[in-house]
């Protein structure tokens, strides 16, 4: 057994499965199903629609986790261990070796936030058809919501856009990026080339303006399925607890991002 395989079996296989198919023994407990690496559909990435993620995208998902899901930040792993995992999970999808290197979507400098942009953002939300899935008020209850399926035929859990934290991240840049990239394997399309920069930022500001609710926090400040993640992955849960107490090697997710930039 290789170094990377040992780490994967210890820290990932319970949910993602030993074969990377998302069918680990704990997957049945989860509403947000574990990613099947074998599918090639990586939802959270910086590359354009139809392209595989960058290594840094996979690194980020491992290091920072996915808020509100069972995928906790893997703060107990070193940079070297995370990089080994990145290389290991890519083996589950052979196309990583055969495609040309993708490029990250550019995120331009944000314009000043104005009432005019907020109004434009609301108009773009309606004109682009966001209401069909996300609902007129962003609660995930649009007329098409119940009929939506992902690439595997499973019903799609439409996020309530009025709540924070978001799965995609906490920064406005994360919102801009997901509008450009879409979400692979889901009905969420890419709007790259559809919106101008001004229109995209206007939509970002509008979405941020309606995110007025906070998920109720439970044990250790965890929200939603993070609590289940704590029970599944005690190593990650302990590291997260230490970090939130100010005792860990990283005090917040911003430090993870700075570490990523330095690489």
C-alpha atoms as a PDB file:
ATOM      1  CA  UNK A   1       0.000   0.000   0.000  1.00  0.00           C
ATOM      2  CA  UNK A   2       1.384   3.396  -0.968  1.00  0.00           C
ATOM      3  CA  UNK A   3       1.758   6.408   1.306  1.00  0.00           C
ATOM      4  CA  UNK A   4      -1.107   8.227  -0.447  1.00  0.00           C
ATOM      5  CA  UNK A   5      -3.366   5.172  -0.378  1.00  0.00           C
ATOM      6  CA  UNK A   6      -2.911   4.813   3.380  1.00  0.00           C
ATOM      7  CA  UNK A   7      -3.967   8.428   3.888  1.00  0.00           C
ATOM      8  CA  UNK A   8      -6.920   8.041   1.538  1.00  0.00           C
ATOM      9  CA  UNK A   9      -8.203   4.878   3.213  1.00  0.00           C
ATOM     10  CA  UNK A  10      -7.812   6.407   6.649  1.00  0.00           C
ATOM     11  CA  UNK A  11      -9.315   9.843   5.969  1.00  0.00           C
ATOM     12  CA  UNK A  12     -11.443   9.644   2.809  1.00  0.00           C
ATOM     13  CA  UNK A  13     -12.701   6.148   1.999  1.00  0.00           C
ATOM     14  CA  UNK A  14     -15.455   6.102   4.640  1.00  0.00           C
ATOM     15  CA  UNK A  15     -17.473   8.501   2.484  1.00  0.00           C
ATOM     16  CA  UNK A  16     -15.853   8.524  -0.955  1.00  0.00           C
ATOM     17  CA  UNK A  17     -15.307   4.757  -1.088  1.00  0.00           C
ATOM     18  CA  UNK A  18     -12.116   2.772  -1.579  1.00  0.00           C
ATOM     19  CA  UNK A  19     -12.705   2.857  -5.339  1.00  0.00           C
ATOM     20  CA  UNK A  20     -13.452   6.587  -5.357  1.00  0.00           C
ATOM     21  CA  UNK A  21     -17.037   5.994  -6.472  1.00  0.00           C
ATOM     22  CA  UNK A  22     -18.705   7.939  -3.655  1.00  0.00           C
ATOM     23  CA  UNK A  23     -20.130   4.716  -2.216  1.00  0.00           C
ATOM     24  CA  UNK A  24     -18.255   4.538   1.069  1.00  0.00           C
ATOM     25  CA  UNK A  25     -19.909   2.826   4.058  1.00  0.00           C
ATOM     26  CA  UNK A  26     -20.963   6.179   5.564  1.00  0.00           C
ATOM     27  CA  UNK A  27     -22.387   7.670   2.363  1.00  0.00           C
ATOM     28  CA  UNK A  28     -25.915   6.422   3.071  1.00  0.00           C
ATOM     29  CA  UNK A  29     -26.152   8.778   6.062  1.00  0.00           C
ATOM     30  CA  UNK A  30     -25.576  11.913   4.040  1.00  0.00           C
ATOM     31  CA  UNK A  31     -28.029  14.158   2.237  1.00  0.00           C
ATOM     32  CA  UNK A  32     -25.202  15.866   0.345  1.00  0.00           C
ATOM     33  CA  UNK A  33     -23.668  12.789  -1.232  1.00  0.00           C
ATOM     34  CA  UNK A  34     -19.873  12.366  -1.365  1.00  0.00           C
ATOM     35  CA  UNK A  35     -18.210  13.214  -4.645  1.00  0.00           C
ATOM     36  CA  UNK A  36     -17.595  10.242  -6.920  1.00  0.00           C
ATOM     37  CA  UNK A  37     -14.084  10.926  -8.185  1.00  0.00           C
ATOM     38  CA  UNK A  38     -14.664   8.328 -10.895  1.00  0.00           C
ATOM     39  CA  UNK A  39     -17.283  10.591 -12.505  1.00  0.00           C
ATOM     40  CA  UNK A  40     -14.947  13.479 -13.231  1.00  0.00           C
ATOM     41  CA  UNK A  41     -17.633  15.893 -12.023  1.00  0.00           C
ATOM     42  CA  UNK A  42     -15.905  18.216  -9.568  1.00  0.00           C
ATOM     43  CA  UNK A  43     -18.417  20.853  -8.479  1.00  0.00           C
ATOM     44  CA  UNK A  44     -16.108  23.346  -6.829  1.00  0.00           C
ATOM     45  CA  UNK A  45     -13.328  24.480  -9.123  1.00  0.00           C
ATOM     46  CA  UNK A  46     -11.834  27.544 -10.755  1.00  0.00           C
ATOM     47  CA  UNK A  47     -11.813  26.251 -14.331  1.00  0.00           C
ATOM     48  CA  UNK A  48     -14.420  26.881 -16.985  1.00  0.00           C
ATOM     49  CA  UNK A  49     -17.355  24.598 -17.726  1.00  0.00           C
ATOM     50  CA  UNK A  50     -16.348  21.247 -19.189  1.00  0.00           C
ATOM     51  CA  UNK A  51     -12.797  21.383 -17.865  1.00  0.00           C
ATOM     52  CA  UNK A  52     -11.317  19.345 -15.053  1.00  0.00           C
ATOM     53  CA  UNK A  53     -10.209  21.147 -11.892  1.00  0.00           C
ATOM     54  CA  UNK A  54      -6.723  22.394 -11.184  1.00  0.00           C
ATOM     55  CA  UNK A  55      -4.659  20.652  -8.528  1.00  0.00           C
ATOM     56  CA  UNK A  56      -5.118  23.776  -6.410  1.00  0.00           C
ATOM     57  CA  UNK A  57      -8.902  23.387  -6.631  1.00  0.00           C
ATOM     58  CA  UNK A  58      -8.760  19.859  -5.243  1.00  0.00           C
ATOM     59  CA  UNK A  59      -6.227  20.982  -2.633  1.00  0.00           C
ATOM     60  CA  UNK A  60      -8.596  23.716  -1.504  1.00  0.00           C
ATOM     61  CA  UNK A  61     -11.565  21.364  -1.172  1.00  0.00           C
ATOM     62  CA  UNK A  62      -9.513  19.015   0.991  1.00  0.00           C
ATOM     63  CA  UNK A  63      -7.870  21.710   3.101  1.00  0.00           C
ATOM     64  CA  UNK A  64     -10.920  23.920   3.619  1.00  0.00           C
ATOM     65  CA  UNK A  65     -13.717  21.379   3.350  1.00  0.00           C
ATOM     66  CA  UNK A  66     -17.199  22.209   2.086  1.00  0.00           C
ATOM     67  CA  UNK A  67     -19.255  24.271   4.565  1.00  0.00           C
ATOM     68  CA  UNK A  68     -22.583  22.813   5.754  1.00  0.00           C
ATOM     69  CA  UNK A  69     -21.625  19.311   4.522  1.00  0.00           C
ATOM     70  CA  UNK A  70     -19.898  16.359   6.172  1.00  0.00           C
ATOM     71  CA  UNK A  71     -16.676  17.310   4.360  1.00  0.00           C
ATOM     72  CA  UNK A  72     -14.796  19.008   7.196  1.00  0.00           C
ATOM     73  CA  UNK A  73     -11.567  20.971   6.727  1.00  0.00           C
ATOM     74  CA  UNK A  74      -8.717  18.472   6.860  1.00  0.00           C
ATOM     75  CA  UNK A  75      -6.624  20.654   9.141  1.00  0.00           C
ATOM     76  CA  UNK A  76      -4.887  17.614  10.631  1.00  0.00           C
ATOM     77  CA  UNK A  77      -3.146  16.888   7.323  1.00  0.00           C
ATOM     78  CA  UNK A  78       0.118  18.484   6.260  1.00  0.00           C
ATOM     79  CA  UNK A  79       0.552  20.188   2.901  1.00  0.00           C
ATOM     80  CA  UNK A  80       2.506  17.162   1.725  1.00  0.00           C
ATOM     81  CA  UNK A  81      -0.252  14.769   2.732  1.00  0.00           C
ATOM     82  CA  UNK A  82      -2.871  16.869   0.960  1.00  0.00           C
ATOM     83  CA  UNK A  83      -0.788  17.025  -2.214  1.00  0.00           C
ATOM     84  CA  UNK A  84      -0.408  13.248  -2.077  1.00  0.00           C
ATOM     85  CA  UNK A  85      -4.193  12.947  -1.809  1.00  0.00           C
ATOM     86  CA  UNK A  86      -4.670  15.286  -4.776  1.00  0.00           C
ATOM     87  CA  UNK A  87      -2.514  13.028  -6.938  1.00  0.00           C
ATOM     88  CA  UNK A  88      -4.237   9.927  -5.590  1.00  0.00           C
ATOM     89  CA  UNK A  89      -7.845  11.001  -6.225  1.00  0.00           C
ATOM     90  CA  UNK A  90      -6.934  12.057  -9.775  1.00  0.00           C
ATOM     91  CA  UNK A  91      -6.062   8.418 -10.499  1.00  0.00           C
ATOM     92  CA  UNK A  92      -9.732   7.520 -10.201  1.00  0.00           C
ATOM     93  CA  UNK A  93     -10.435   9.517 -13.376  1.00  0.00           C
ATOM     94  CA  UNK A  94      -7.864   8.645 -16.081  1.00  0.00           C
ATOM     95  CA  UNK A  95      -8.757  11.650 -18.249  1.00  0.00           C
ATOM     96  CA  UNK A  96      -6.654  13.775 -15.899  1.00  0.00           C
ATOM     97  CA  UNK A  97      -3.626  12.315 -17.691  1.00  0.00           C
ATOM     98  CA  UNK A  98      -4.929  12.837 -21.216  1.00  0.00           C
ATOM     99  CA  UNK A  99      -6.296  16.384 -21.233  1.00  0.00           C
ATOM    100  CA  UNK A 100      -4.340  19.590 -21.631  1.00  0.00           C
ATOM    101  CA  UNK A 101      -3.831  21.690 -18.546  1.00  0.00           C
ATOM    102  CA  UNK A 102      -6.848  23.862 -17.808  1.00  0.00           C
ATOM    103  CA  UNK A 103      -6.683  27.489 -16.776  1.00  0.00           C
ATOM    104  CA  UNK A 104      -8.456  29.213 -13.950  1.00  0.00           C
ATOM    105  CA  UNK A 105     -11.266  31.618 -14.753  1.00  0.00           C
ATOM    106  CA  UNK A 106     -10.106  35.177 -14.222  1.00  0.00           C
ATOM    107  CA  UNK A 107     -11.836  37.059 -11.422  1.00  0.00           C
ATOM    108  CA  UNK A 108     -11.571  40.788 -12.155  1.00  0.00           C
ATOM    109  CA  UNK A 109     -11.392  43.461  -9.505  1.00  0.00           C
ATOM    110  CA  UNK A 110     -14.809  44.126  -8.067  1.00  0.00           C
ATOM    111  CA  UNK A 111     -16.435  47.499  -8.795  1.00  0.00           C
ATOM    112  CA  UNK A 112     -17.788  49.690  -5.996  1.00  0.00           C
ATOM    113  CA  UNK A 113     -21.022  48.347  -4.559  1.00  0.00           C
ATOM    114  CA  UNK A 114     -23.860  50.716  -5.404  1.00  0.00           C
ATOM    115  CA  UNK A 115     -27.646  50.730  -5.298  1.00  0.00           C
ATOM    116  CA  UNK A 116     -27.593  50.804  -9.097  1.00  0.00           C
ATOM    117  CA  UNK A 117     -25.581  47.571  -9.237  1.00  0.00           C
ATOM    118  CA  UNK A 118     -27.851  45.906  -6.681  1.00  0.00           C
ATOM    119  CA  UNK A 119     -30.882  46.745  -8.801  1.00  0.00           C
ATOM    120  CA  UNK A 120     -29.114  45.484 -11.927  1.00  0.00           C
ATOM    121  CA  UNK A 121     -28.222  42.296 -10.057  1.00  0.00           C
ATOM    122  CA  UNK A 122     -31.861  41.702  -9.157  1.00  0.00           C
ATOM    123  CA  UNK A 123     -32.793  42.197 -12.810  1.00  0.00           C
ATOM    124  CA  UNK A 124     -30.088  39.753 -13.933  1.00  0.00           C
ATOM    125  CA  UNK A 125     -31.326  37.193 -11.390  1.00  0.00           C
ATOM    126  CA  UNK A 126     -34.734  37.301 -13.043  1.00  0.00           C
ATOM    127  CA  UNK A 127     -33.601  37.657 -16.669  1.00  0.00           C
ATOM    128  CA  UNK A 128     -31.084  34.801 -16.449  1.00  0.00           C
ATOM    129  CA  UNK A 129     -33.736  32.406 -15.196  1.00  0.00           C
ATOM    130  CA  UNK A 130     -32.279  31.949 -11.709  1.00  0.00           C
ATOM    131  CA  UNK A 131     -35.818  32.066 -10.305  1.00  0.00           C
ATOM    132  CA  UNK A 132     -36.742  28.821 -12.095  1.00  0.00           C
ATOM    133  CA  UNK A 133     -34.540  26.810  -9.745  1.00  0.00           C
ATOM    134  CA  UNK A 134     -33.622  29.097  -6.855  1.00  0.00           C
ATOM    135  CA  UNK A 135     -37.019  30.748  -6.480  1.00  0.00           C
ATOM    136  CA  UNK A 136     -38.025  34.401  -6.570  1.00  0.00           C
ATOM    137  CA  UNK A 137     -36.634  34.997  -3.081  1.00  0.00           C
ATOM    138  CA  UNK A 138     -33.663  32.631  -3.310  1.00  0.00           C
ATOM    139  CA  UNK A 139     -35.059  29.891  -1.063  1.00  0.00           C
ATOM    140  CA  UNK A 140     -34.416  27.067  -3.539  1.00  0.00           C
ATOM    141  CA  UNK A 141     -38.120  26.612  -4.208  1.00  0.00           C
ATOM    142  CA  UNK A 142     -38.380  27.611  -7.858  1.00  0.00           C
ATOM    143  CA  UNK A 143     -40.967  25.938 -10.132  1.00  0.00           C
ATOM    144  CA  UNK A 144     -38.324  23.638 -11.651  1.00  0.00           C
ATOM    145  CA  UNK A 145     -36.637  22.717  -8.360  1.00  0.00           C
ATOM    146  CA  UNK A 146     -38.416  19.411  -7.738  1.00  0.00           C
ATOM    147  CA  UNK A 147     -37.671  18.089 -11.220  1.00  0.00           C
ATOM    148  CA  UNK A 148     -33.930  18.763 -11.219  1.00  0.00           C
ATOM    149  CA  UNK A 149     -31.490  15.842 -11.314  1.00  0.00           C
ATOM    150  CA  UNK A 150     -27.717  15.560 -11.299  1.00  0.00           C
ATOM    151  CA  UNK A 151     -25.588  13.548 -13.750  1.00  0.00           C
ATOM    152  CA  UNK A 152     -26.412  10.304 -11.914  1.00  0.00           C
ATOM    153  CA  UNK A 153     -30.164  10.882 -11.831  1.00  0.00           C
ATOM    154  CA  UNK A 154     -30.334  11.858  -8.155  1.00  0.00           C
ATOM    155  CA  UNK A 155     -32.545  14.798  -7.123  1.00  0.00           C
ATOM    156  CA  UNK A 156     -30.585  18.020  -6.750  1.00  0.00           C
ATOM    157  CA  UNK A 157     -30.610  19.771  -3.383  1.00  0.00           C
ATOM    158  CA  UNK A 158     -31.070  23.414  -4.408  1.00  0.00           C
ATOM    159  CA  UNK A 159     -29.294  25.686  -1.910  1.00  0.00           C
ATOM    160  CA  UNK A 160     -31.170  28.357  -0.025  1.00  0.00           C
ATOM    161  CA  UNK A 161     -29.288  31.460  -1.162  1.00  0.00           C
ATOM    162  CA  UNK A 162     -30.485  33.469   1.820  1.00  0.00           C
ATOM    163  CA  UNK A 163     -28.284  31.468   4.204  1.00  0.00           C
ATOM    164  CA  UNK A 164     -24.595  31.610   5.041  1.00  0.00           C
ATOM    165  CA  UNK A 165     -22.102  30.001   5.045  1.00  0.00           C
ATOM    166  CA  UNK A 166     -22.290  28.849   1.440  1.00  0.00           C
ATOM    167  CA  UNK A 167     -20.872  25.574   0.196  1.00  0.00           C
ATOM    168  CA  UNK A 168     -18.821  27.402  -2.420  1.00  0.00           C
ATOM    169  CA  UNK A 169     -17.003  29.614   0.082  1.00  0.00           C
ATOM    170  CA  UNK A 170     -17.418  32.840   1.989  1.00  0.00           C
ATOM    171  CA  UNK A 171     -15.824  35.382  -0.368  1.00  0.00           C
ATOM    172  CA  UNK A 172     -17.567  37.430  -3.034  1.00  0.00           C
ATOM    173  CA  UNK A 173     -14.912  36.159  -5.432  1.00  0.00           C
ATOM    174  CA  UNK A 174     -16.240  32.640  -4.807  1.00  0.00           C
ATOM    175  CA  UNK A 175     -19.699  33.754  -5.919  1.00  0.00           C
ATOM    176  CA  UNK A 176     -18.304  35.416  -9.045  1.00  0.00           C
ATOM    177  CA  UNK A 177     -16.313  32.295  -9.879  1.00  0.00           C
ATOM    178  CA  UNK A 178     -19.237  29.867  -9.556  1.00  0.00           C
ATOM    179  CA  UNK A 179     -21.333  32.072 -11.848  1.00  0.00           C
ATOM    180  CA  UNK A 180     -18.587  31.766 -14.446  1.00  0.00           C
ATOM    181  CA  UNK A 181     -17.786  28.074 -13.999  1.00  0.00           C
ATOM    182  CA  UNK A 182     -21.185  26.587 -13.235  1.00  0.00           C
ATOM    183  CA  UNK A 183     -21.309  23.352 -11.243  1.00  0.00           C
ATOM    184  CA  UNK A 184     -20.189  20.263 -13.105  1.00  0.00           C
ATOM    185  CA  UNK A 185     -22.640  17.376 -13.031  1.00  0.00           C
ATOM    186  CA  UNK A 186     -25.571  19.561 -11.987  1.00  0.00           C
ATOM    187  CA  UNK A 187     -28.136  21.689 -13.857  1.00  0.00           C
ATOM    188  CA  UNK A 188     -26.248  24.839 -12.741  1.00  0.00           C
ATOM    189  CA  UNK A 189     -24.800  26.188 -16.009  1.00  0.00           C
ATOM    190  CA  UNK A 190     -21.828  28.414 -16.671  1.00  0.00           C
ATOM    191  CA  UNK A 191     -22.613  32.032 -17.488  1.00  0.00           C
ATOM    192  CA  UNK A 192     -19.149  32.754 -18.811  1.00  0.00           C
ATOM    193  CA  UNK A 193     -19.572  34.829 -21.950  1.00  0.00           C
ATOM    194  CA  UNK A 194     -23.242  35.419 -21.145  1.00  0.00           C
ATOM    195  CA  UNK A 195     -22.830  38.156 -18.541  1.00  0.00           C
ATOM    196  CA  UNK A 196     -20.556  41.140 -18.837  1.00  0.00           C
ATOM    197  CA  UNK A 197     -18.201  41.715 -15.902  1.00  0.00           C
ATOM    198  CA  UNK A 198     -20.525  44.446 -14.651  1.00  0.00           C
ATOM    199  CA  UNK A 199     -23.575  42.188 -14.868  1.00  0.00           C
ATOM    200  CA  UNK A 200     -21.786  39.321 -13.133  1.00  0.00           C
ATOM    201  CA  UNK A 201     -20.616  41.529 -10.271  1.00  0.00           C
ATOM    202  CA  UNK A 202     -24.095  43.036 -10.020  1.00  0.00           C
ATOM    203  CA  UNK A 203     -25.526  39.538  -9.584  1.00  0.00           C
ATOM    204  CA  UNK A 204     -22.858  38.757  -6.978  1.00  0.00           C
ATOM    205  CA  UNK A 205     -23.783  41.834  -4.959  1.00  0.00           C
ATOM    206  CA  UNK A 206     -27.481  41.017  -5.207  1.00  0.00           C
ATOM    207  CA  UNK A 207     -26.953  37.432  -4.049  1.00  0.00           C
ATOM    208  CA  UNK A 208     -24.825  38.688  -1.177  1.00  0.00           C
ATOM    209  CA  UNK A 209     -27.524  41.186  -0.206  1.00  0.00           C
ATOM    210  CA  UNK A 210     -30.175  38.475   0.215  1.00  0.00           C
ATOM    211  CA  UNK A 211     -27.912  36.193   2.269  1.00  0.00           C
ATOM    212  CA  UNK A 212     -29.211  37.588   5.538  1.00  0.00           C
ATOM    213  CA  UNK A 213     -29.656  34.338   7.491  1.00  0.00           C
ATOM    214  CA  UNK A 214     -27.127  32.232   9.359  1.00  0.00           C
ATOM    215  CA  UNK A 215     -27.376  28.474   9.731  1.00  0.00           C
ATOM    216  CA  UNK A 216     -28.016  27.548  13.380  1.00  0.00           C
ATOM    217  CA  UNK A 217     -24.784  26.399  14.978  1.00  0.00           C
ATOM    218  CA  UNK A 218     -24.614  23.341  17.161  1.00  0.00           C
ATOM    219  CA  UNK A 219     -21.782  21.498  18.862  1.00  0.00           C
ATOM    220  CA  UNK A 220     -18.385  23.129  18.217  1.00  0.00           C
ATOM    221  CA  UNK A 221     -20.124  25.731  16.075  1.00  0.00           C
ATOM    222  CA  UNK A 222     -20.905  23.137  13.408  1.00  0.00           C
ATOM    223  CA  UNK A 223     -23.819  23.623  11.020  1.00  0.00           C
ATOM    224  CA  UNK A 224     -26.045  21.234   9.097  1.00  0.00           C
ATOM    225  CA  UNK A 225     -24.257  18.006   8.078  1.00  0.00           C
ATOM    226  CA  UNK A 226     -20.946  19.140   9.543  1.00  0.00           C
ATOM    227  CA  UNK A 227     -22.209  17.478  12.729  1.00  0.00           C
ATOM    228  CA  UNK A 228     -22.394  14.121  10.932  1.00  0.00           C
ATOM    229  CA  UNK A 229     -18.949  14.771   9.503  1.00  0.00           C
ATOM    230  CA  UNK A 230     -17.641  15.159  13.045  1.00  0.00           C
ATOM    231  CA  UNK A 231     -18.918  11.696  13.952  1.00  0.00           C
ATOM    232  CA  UNK A 232     -17.472  10.139  10.806  1.00  0.00           C
ATOM    233  CA  UNK A 233     -14.083  11.875  10.836  1.00  0.00           C
ATOM    234  CA  UNK A 234     -12.934  12.385  14.417  1.00  0.00           C
ATOM    235  CA  UNK A 235      -9.386  13.330  13.373  1.00  0.00           C
ATOM    236  CA  UNK A 236     -10.647  16.245  11.290  1.00  0.00           C
ATOM    237  CA  UNK A 237     -13.182  17.180  13.973  1.00  0.00           C
ATOM    238  CA  UNK A 238     -10.501  17.280  16.674  1.00  0.00           C
ATOM    239  CA  UNK A 239      -8.208  19.407  14.500  1.00  0.00           C
ATOM    240  CA  UNK A 240     -11.083  21.772  13.763  1.00  0.00           C
ATOM    241  CA  UNK A 241     -11.885  22.066  17.461  1.00  0.00           C
ATOM    242  CA  UNK A 242      -8.258  22.880  18.255  1.00  0.00           C
ATOM    243  CA  UNK A 243      -8.161  25.482  15.515  1.00  0.00           C
ATOM    244  CA  UNK A 244     -11.322  27.173  16.726  1.00  0.00           C
ATOM    245  CA  UNK A 245      -9.882  27.286  20.204  1.00  0.00           C
ATOM    246  CA  UNK A 246      -6.811  29.014  18.826  1.00  0.00           C
ATOM    247  CA  UNK A 247      -4.533  25.996  19.337  1.00  0.00           C
ATOM    248  CA  UNK A 248      -4.268  24.628  15.811  1.00  0.00           C
ATOM    249  CA  UNK A 249      -1.676  25.275  13.146  1.00  0.00           C
ATOM    250  CA  UNK A 250      -4.234  27.338  11.197  1.00  0.00           C
ATOM    251  CA  UNK A 251      -6.498  29.812  12.912  1.00  0.00           C
ATOM    252  CA  UNK A 252      -9.029  30.280  10.135  1.00  0.00           C
ATOM    253  CA  UNK A 253      -9.740  29.527   6.518  1.00  0.00           C
ATOM    254  CA  UNK A 254      -8.144  32.781   5.472  1.00  0.00           C
ATOM    255  CA  UNK A 255      -4.808  31.363   6.570  1.00  0.00           C
ATOM    256  CA  UNK A 256      -5.407  28.344   4.376  1.00  0.00           C
ATOM    257  CA  UNK A 257      -6.004  30.658   1.436  1.00  0.00           C
ATOM    258  CA  UNK A 258      -2.799  32.551   2.141  1.00  0.00           C
ATOM    259  CA  UNK A 259      -0.936  29.259   2.284  1.00  0.00           C
ATOM    260  CA  UNK A 260      -2.403  28.362  -1.107  1.00  0.00           C
ATOM    261  CA  UNK A 261      -1.268  31.662  -2.621  1.00  0.00           C
ATOM    262  CA  UNK A 262       2.272  31.111  -1.378  1.00  0.00           C
ATOM    263  CA  UNK A 263       2.412  27.834  -3.198  1.00  0.00           C
END
